[in-house]
Amino acid sequence: MTKINAIVREVTALTDRISEFQFAAADGSAMPQWEAGAHVVFDLPDGDTRAYSLISFDPIPEAPESYRIAVQREPEGKGGSTHMHGLKPGAEITCAGPKNDFPLTQGAPAVLLAGGIGITPMISMATTLKAAGQAFDFHYSGRSAPLMAYRDTLRETFGDALHLHCDDDDSALNLDAVIASAGAVAHLYVCGPKGLIEAVKAKAEAAGIAPDRIHFELFDAPQEQAGDSAFEVELASSGEVFTIPPGQSIIDVLEAGGVDVMYDCQRGDCGICQCDVISGTPDHRDVVLSEAERAAGNVMQICVSRAKSPRLVLDI
């Protein structure tokens, strides 16, 4: 994918932990066009990457002069957000062109639900729906008002369509009511932490909302869990066996061993890395599979899931 050499134009603190970054092409050319829900992937100095959703409170132009993202500093993370928060105006950074794994369904009413920093892709979605004259409800939930980025601008821009929910007062999110508001035709879009997405999926499925009307994007990076231990993965095609240690994914180890695997998000929300399990018991940590699929144990997402058995035999 073509890389964009960019330069940071502005940095604005939004909350104690969230800052907004505006950046443009270093050579002054227009940036590639994008659609609501898109993200860009930034290169980090250690060779790693981080993806951040693009934000726009105005209709997205065909040739944007700049891009806008917001980054929440995660001291307990792997350092990507800390690096981003160290950027100052004038800093150079490289990113890939926009990619959209979380698109809007055109012409359909929508219920948007954002948790925490998951607000970022929802802003451009709401902007696009408003410009199209499409009906939508916009719910934004956070622990408390001071921690919620853009809340005043959101009120001014989206008016009665916006509903702010704070965990520490009587406006706290009523998930059952939000899901019920989707009715029989609206599409439900959810972005935020894993717990929120899992709860929405379970309640939406129980309410009879068809899976193709439930869209989600996970904003949690996978974290090592206490008690994680090494396990083996055997490739059915070759018989090769790889040991997956704590702190590394199946994809990490297979790629290091020269195995070509397909994947994208590496968060467990896109489904591209899904593969069949021939034997063994997966430890599912994705948000893609239904409860029935998890119980069956026939498939798994190898970017985040691990094993409950000493060895997995995968159809790779």
Protein backbone atom coordinates (compact mmCIF):
# COMPACT_ATOMS: atom_id res chain seq x y z
CA MET A 1 0.00 0.00 0.00
CA THR A 2 1.22 3.50 -0.83
CA LYS A 3 2.71 5.35 2.11
CA ILE A 4 1.98 8.99 2.89
CA ASN A 5 4.77 11.15 4.29
CA ALA A 6 2.89 13.49 6.58
CA ILE A 7 3.59 16.36 8.90
CA VAL A 8 1.72 17.26 12.08
CA ARG A 9 0.00 20.63 11.76
CA GLU A 10 -1.82 20.99 15.07
CA VAL A 11 -2.09 19.20 18.41
CA THR A 12 -5.02 20.01 20.72
CA ALA A 13 -5.64 18.56 24.17
CA LEU A 14 -9.28 17.45 24.44
CA THR A 15 -9.19 15.82 27.90
CA ASP A 16 -6.46 14.84 30.36
CA ARG A 17 -5.76 11.70 28.31
CA ILE A 18 -7.06 12.46 24.81
CA SER A 19 -5.42 14.75 22.26
CA GLU A 20 -6.41 15.63 18.72
CA PHE A 21 -3.85 15.60 15.90
CA GLN A 22 -4.26 17.26 12.52
CA PHE A 23 -1.73 16.28 9.88
CA ALA A 24 -1.23 16.85 6.17
CA ALA A 25 1.00 15.61 3.35
CA ALA A 26 4.54 16.88 3.82
CA ASP A 27 4.73 17.95 0.16
CA GLY A 28 1.51 20.00 0.40
CA SER A 29 -0.51 17.73 -1.90
CA ALA A 30 -4.10 16.71 -1.18
CA MET A 31 -4.70 13.67 0.99
CA PRO A 32 -6.64 10.68 -0.41
CA GLN A 33 -10.41 10.81 -0.09
CA TRP A 34 -12.04 8.67 2.57
CA GLU A 35 -15.49 7.62 3.75
CA ALA A 36 -17.11 7.58 7.18
CA GLY A 37 -15.71 4.82 9.39
CA ALA A 38 -12.26 4.78 7.75
CA HIS A 39 -8.96 4.66 9.59
CA VAL A 40 -5.30 5.19 8.80
CA VAL A 41 -2.41 3.07 10.01
CA PHE A 42 0.66 4.92 11.30
CA ASP A 43 4.20 3.57 11.34
CA LEU A 44 5.97 3.71 14.71
CA PRO A 45 9.75 4.00 15.24
CA ASP A 46 9.99 0.43 16.62
CA GLY A 47 8.55 -1.03 13.42
CA ASP A 48 5.09 -1.52 14.90
CA THR A 49 1.94 0.22 13.64
CA ARG A 50 -1.20 1.80 15.12
CA ALA A 51 -4.58 2.44 13.51
CA TYR A 52 -6.67 5.54 14.29
CA SER A 53 -10.08 6.50 12.91
CA LEU A 54 -10.49 9.64 10.84
CA ILE A 55 -12.75 12.39 12.18
CA SER A 56 -14.82 15.02 10.40
CA PHE A 57 -17.59 17.28 11.69
CA ASP A 58 -18.14 18.53 8.12
CA PRO A 59 -19.00 16.62 4.91
CA ILE A 60 -15.84 14.84 3.77
CA PRO A 61 -14.29 16.59 0.74
CA GLU A 62 -13.02 14.78 -2.35
CA ALA A 63 -9.49 16.08 -1.83
CA PRO A 64 -8.92 16.71 1.90
CA GLU A 65 -6.18 19.16 2.80
CA SER A 66 -5.57 17.36 6.07
CA TYR A 67 -6.68 14.50 8.29
CA ARG A 68 -7.87 14.63 11.89
CA ILE A 69 -7.56 11.90 14.53
CA ALA A 70 -7.84 11.70 18.33
CA VAL A 71 -5.59 9.48 20.44
CA GLN A 72 -6.15 8.36 24.01
CA ARG A 73 -2.94 7.90 25.99
CA GLU A 74 -2.76 4.36 27.37
CA PRO A 75 0.09 4.14 29.93
CA GLU A 76 -0.53 0.41 30.33
CA GLY A 77 -0.36 -0.20 26.56
CA LYS A 78 2.56 -1.11 24.32
CA GLY A 79 3.77 2.44 23.72
CA GLY A 80 1.97 3.45 20.54
CA SER A 81 -0.26 6.04 22.16
CA THR A 82 2.67 7.37 24.20
CA HIS A 83 4.63 7.92 20.99
CA MET A 84 1.69 9.67 19.35
CA HIS A 85 1.24 11.94 22.35
CA GLY A 86 4.90 12.92 22.06
CA LEU A 87 4.36 14.38 18.58
CA LYS A 88 4.49 18.17 18.27
CA PRO A 89 3.51 20.47 15.36
CA GLY A 90 6.08 20.05 12.62
CA ALA A 91 6.83 16.41 13.47
CA GLU A 92 7.02 14.02 10.53
CA ILE A 93 5.17 10.72 10.48
CA THR A 94 4.37 8.05 7.89
CA CYS A 95 1.00 6.42 7.38
CA ALA A 96 -0.83 4.24 4.89
CA GLY A 97 -3.78 5.48 2.88
CA PRO A 98 -7.28 5.28 4.39
CA LYS A 99 -8.89 1.87 4.86
CA ASN A 100 -12.48 1.22 5.87
CA ASP A 101 -13.46 -1.95 7.77
CA PHE A 102 -16.44 -0.19 9.41
CA PRO A 103 -18.53 1.34 6.60
CA LEU A 104 -22.04 2.75 6.80
CA THR A 105 -24.90 0.96 5.05
CA GLN A 106 -26.21 3.55 2.62
CA GLY A 107 -29.85 4.61 2.78
CA ALA A 108 -30.68 2.87 6.07
CA PRO A 109 -31.58 4.48 9.40
CA ALA A 110 -28.90 4.02 12.05
CA VAL A 111 -28.31 3.79 15.77
CA LEU A 112 -24.74 4.80 16.64
CA LEU A 113 -23.27 3.72 19.97
CA ALA A 114 -19.81 4.83 21.08
CA GLY A 115 -18.00 3.88 24.28
CA GLY A 116 -15.07 6.04 25.38
CA ILE A 117 -12.51 6.74 22.66
CA GLY A 118 -14.73 4.68 20.33
CA ILE A 119 -16.42 8.02 19.63
CA THR A 120 -13.92 8.82 16.87
CA PRO A 121 -15.31 6.84 13.88
CA MET A 122 -18.86 7.64 14.95
CA ILE A 123 -18.37 11.37 14.41
CA SER A 124 -17.84 11.02 10.66
CA MET A 125 -20.70 8.53 10.50
CA ALA A 126 -23.08 10.98 12.17
CA THR A 127 -21.80 13.78 9.91
CA THR A 128 -22.47 11.68 6.81
CA LEU A 129 -25.95 10.63 7.97
CA LYS A 130 -26.87 14.22 8.83
CA ALA A 131 -25.70 15.51 5.42
CA ALA A 132 -27.75 12.77 3.69
CA GLY A 133 -30.88 13.65 5.66
CA GLN A 134 -30.93 10.10 7.03
CA ALA A 135 -32.57 9.37 10.41
CA PHE A 136 -30.16 8.38 13.18
CA ASP A 137 -29.74 8.30 16.96
CA PHE A 138 -26.28 8.91 18.37
CA HIS A 139 -25.36 7.54 21.83
CA TYR A 140 -22.02 8.37 23.48
CA SER A 141 -21.16 6.70 26.79
CA GLY A 142 -18.25 7.43 29.13
CA ARG A 143 -17.24 7.10 32.74
CA SER A 144 -17.78 10.80 33.46
CA ALA A 145 -18.30 13.99 31.45
CA PRO A 146 -14.75 15.41 31.84
CA LEU A 147 -13.32 12.25 30.25
CA MET A 148 -15.49 12.46 27.13
CA ALA A 149 -13.86 14.12 24.12
CA TYR A 150 -15.79 16.56 21.90
CA ARG A 151 -18.94 16.52 24.05
CA ASP A 152 -19.72 20.25 23.59
CA THR A 153 -18.99 20.21 19.84
CA LEU A 154 -21.11 17.09 19.48
CA ARG A 155 -24.06 18.80 21.18
CA GLU A 156 -23.73 21.83 18.93
CA THR A 157 -23.40 19.75 15.76
CA PHE A 158 -25.93 16.96 16.24
CA GLY A 159 -28.50 18.49 18.60
CA ASP A 160 -31.36 16.22 19.65
CA ALA A 161 -29.93 13.22 17.80
CA LEU A 162 -27.13 13.06 20.39
CA HIS A 163 -27.55 11.33 23.74
CA LEU A 164 -24.70 11.58 26.26
CA HIS A 165 -24.45 8.87 28.93
CA CYS A 166 -22.19 9.15 31.99
CA ASP A 167 -21.64 6.18 34.29
CA ASP A 168 -21.49 8.43 37.36
CA ASP A 169 -24.93 10.06 37.07
CA ASP A 170 -28.54 9.30 36.15
CA SER A 171 -27.78 9.49 32.41
CA ALA A 172 -25.93 6.13 32.48
CA LEU A 173 -26.36 4.00 29.37
CA ASN A 174 -29.44 1.77 29.21
CA LEU A 175 -28.29 -0.77 26.67
CA ASP A 176 -31.64 -2.52 26.38
CA ALA A 177 -33.35 0.77 25.49
CA VAL A 178 -30.71 1.63 22.88
CA ILE A 179 -31.05 -1.76 21.20
CA ALA A 180 -34.85 -1.55 21.29
CA SER A 181 -34.63 1.82 19.53
CA ALA A 182 -33.12 0.10 16.48
CA GLY A 183 -36.56 -1.35 15.74
CA ALA A 184 -37.08 -3.58 12.74
CA VAL A 185 -35.02 -1.75 10.11
CA ALA A 186 -32.26 0.40 11.63
CA HIS A 187 -28.64 -0.73 11.54
CA LEU A 188 -26.73 -0.76 14.82
CA TYR A 189 -23.12 0.53 14.84
CA VAL A 190 -20.98 0.02 17.93
CA CYS A 191 -17.42 1.10 18.65
CA GLY A 192 -15.62 0.88 21.96
CA PRO A 193 -14.12 -1.61 24.41
CA LYS A 194 -14.56 -5.35 24.08
CA GLY A 195 -17.00 -5.63 26.98
CA LEU A 196 -19.38 -3.15 25.38
CA ILE A 197 -19.31 -4.90 22.00
CA GLU A 198 -19.87 -8.33 23.53
CA ALA A 199 -22.82 -7.03 25.56
CA VAL A 200 -24.38 -5.33 22.54
CA LYS A 201 -23.96 -8.42 20.35
CA ALA A 202 -25.55 -10.69 22.95
CA LYS A 203 -28.50 -8.39 23.63
CA ALA A 204 -29.04 -7.56 19.96
CA GLU A 205 -29.06 -11.24 18.98
CA ALA A 206 -31.50 -11.96 21.85
CA ALA A 207 -33.72 -9.13 20.58
CA GLY A 208 -33.86 -10.73 17.15
CA ILE A 209 -31.72 -8.18 15.30
CA ALA A 210 -30.23 -9.86 12.24
CA PRO A 211 -26.41 -10.20 12.30
CA ASP A 212 -26.11 -8.20 9.07
CA ARG A 213 -27.63 -5.18 10.88
CA ILE A 214 -25.02 -5.26 13.67
CA HIS A 215 -21.71 -3.56 12.86
CA PHE A 216 -18.84 -3.08 15.27
CA GLU A 217 -15.23 -2.00 15.60
CA LEU A 218 -13.09 -2.84 18.60
CA PHE A 219 -10.93 -0.15 20.15
CA ASP A 220 -9.11 -2.40 22.61
CA ALA A 221 -5.67 -3.64 21.65
CA PRO A 222 -5.24 -7.30 22.69
CA GLN A 223 -3.61 -7.62 26.09
CA GLU A 224 -1.80 -10.55 27.65
CA GLN A 225 -3.97 -12.10 30.34
CA ALA A 226 -2.86 -13.40 33.72
CA GLY A 227 -2.33 -17.14 33.55
CA ASP A 228 -1.52 -17.23 29.83
CA SER A 229 0.83 -20.09 29.06
CA ALA A 230 2.60 -21.47 26.01
CA PHE A 231 0.81 -23.87 23.67
CA GLU A 232 1.57 -25.56 20.37
CA VAL A 233 0.03 -25.00 16.93
CA GLU A 234 0.35 -27.71 14.29
CA LEU A 235 -0.27 -26.82 10.65
CA ALA A 236 -2.35 -29.54 9.01
CA SER A 237 -0.89 -28.85 5.56
CA SER A 238 2.75 -29.41 6.50
CA GLY A 239 2.82 -30.98 9.96
CA GLU A 240 5.02 -28.12 11.20
CA VAL A 241 4.63 -27.36 14.90
CA PHE A 242 5.09 -23.90 16.41
CA THR A 243 5.19 -22.92 20.09
CA ILE A 244 3.12 -19.83 20.93
CA PRO A 245 4.51 -18.19 24.08
CA PRO A 246 2.61 -15.77 26.32
CA GLY A 247 2.62 -12.26 24.91
CA GLN A 248 2.75 -13.37 21.27
CA SER A 249 -0.12 -14.23 18.96
CA ILE A 250 -0.40 -17.22 16.66
CA ILE A 251 0.04 -14.80 13.75
CA ASP A 252 3.20 -13.32 15.29
CA VAL A 253 4.84 -16.73 15.59
CA LEU A 254 3.70 -18.10 12.23
CA GLU A 255 4.90 -15.02 10.36
CA ALA A 256 8.27 -15.18 12.12
CA GLY A 257 8.47 -18.79 10.97
CA GLY A 258 7.89 -17.87 7.34
CA VAL A 259 4.22 -18.89 7.13
CA ASP A 260 2.04 -16.61 4.98
CA VAL A 261 -1.24 -15.89 6.78
CA MET A 262 -4.09 -13.52 5.99
CA TYR A 263 -5.09 -10.93 8.59
CA ASP A 264 -5.97 -7.28 9.04
CA CYS A 265 -7.15 -5.73 12.32
CA GLN A 266 -5.18 -7.89 14.80
CA ARG A 267 -7.82 -6.97 17.40
CA GLY A 268 -10.29 -9.80 16.79
CA ASP A 269 -13.06 -7.79 15.17
CA CYS A 270 -12.71 -8.16 11.38
CA GLY A 271 -12.78 -11.94 10.89
CA ILE A 272 -10.20 -12.02 8.10
CA CYS A 273 -7.76 -14.29 9.99
CA GLN A 274 -10.42 -16.89 10.85
CA CYS A 275 -9.33 -20.46 10.26
CA ASP A 276 -10.74 -23.94 10.88
CA VAL A 277 -9.75 -25.88 13.99
CA ILE A 278 -9.19 -29.57 13.23
CA SER A 279 -8.43 -30.58 16.81
CA GLY A 280 -7.83 -28.95 20.16
CA THR A 281 -9.82 -26.42 22.16
CA PRO A 282 -9.54 -22.71 21.33
CA ASP A 283 -9.59 -19.97 23.96
CA HIS A 284 -11.74 -17.45 22.07
CA ARG A 285 -10.89 -13.76 22.65
CA ASP A 286 -12.48 -12.19 19.58
CA VAL A 287 -15.76 -10.31 19.18
CA VAL A 288 -16.62 -11.88 15.81
CA LEU A 289 -17.99 -15.32 16.66
CA SER A 290 -21.46 -16.02 18.02
CA GLU A 291 -21.86 -17.93 21.26
CA ALA A 292 -22.84 -21.01 19.27
CA GLU A 293 -19.68 -20.79 17.15
CA ARG A 294 -17.54 -20.36 20.26
CA ALA A 295 -19.12 -23.41 21.86
CA ALA A 296 -18.63 -25.52 18.73
CA GLY A 297 -14.91 -24.65 18.63
CA ASN A 298 -14.62 -25.38 14.92
CA VAL A 299 -13.17 -22.00 13.92
CA MET A 300 -11.06 -19.31 15.61
CA GLN A 301 -9.50 -15.90 15.03
CA ILE A 302 -5.76 -16.49 15.20
CA CYS A 303 -4.85 -12.84 15.75
CA VAL A 304 -6.05 -12.77 19.38
CA SER A 305 -7.36 -16.18 20.45
CA ARG A 306 -5.21 -18.77 22.20
CA ALA A 307 -5.67 -22.39 23.32
CA LYS A 308 -7.15 -24.17 26.31
CA SER A 309 -5.55 -27.44 25.17
CA PRO A 310 -1.79 -28.11 24.91
CA ARG A 311 -1.99 -28.20 21.09
CA LEU A 312 -4.22 -26.90 18.32
CA VAL A 313 -4.21 -28.43 14.84
CA LEU A 314 -5.25 -25.72 12.39
CA ASP A 315 -6.30 -25.94 8.75
CA ILE A 316 -3.38 -23.88 7.52
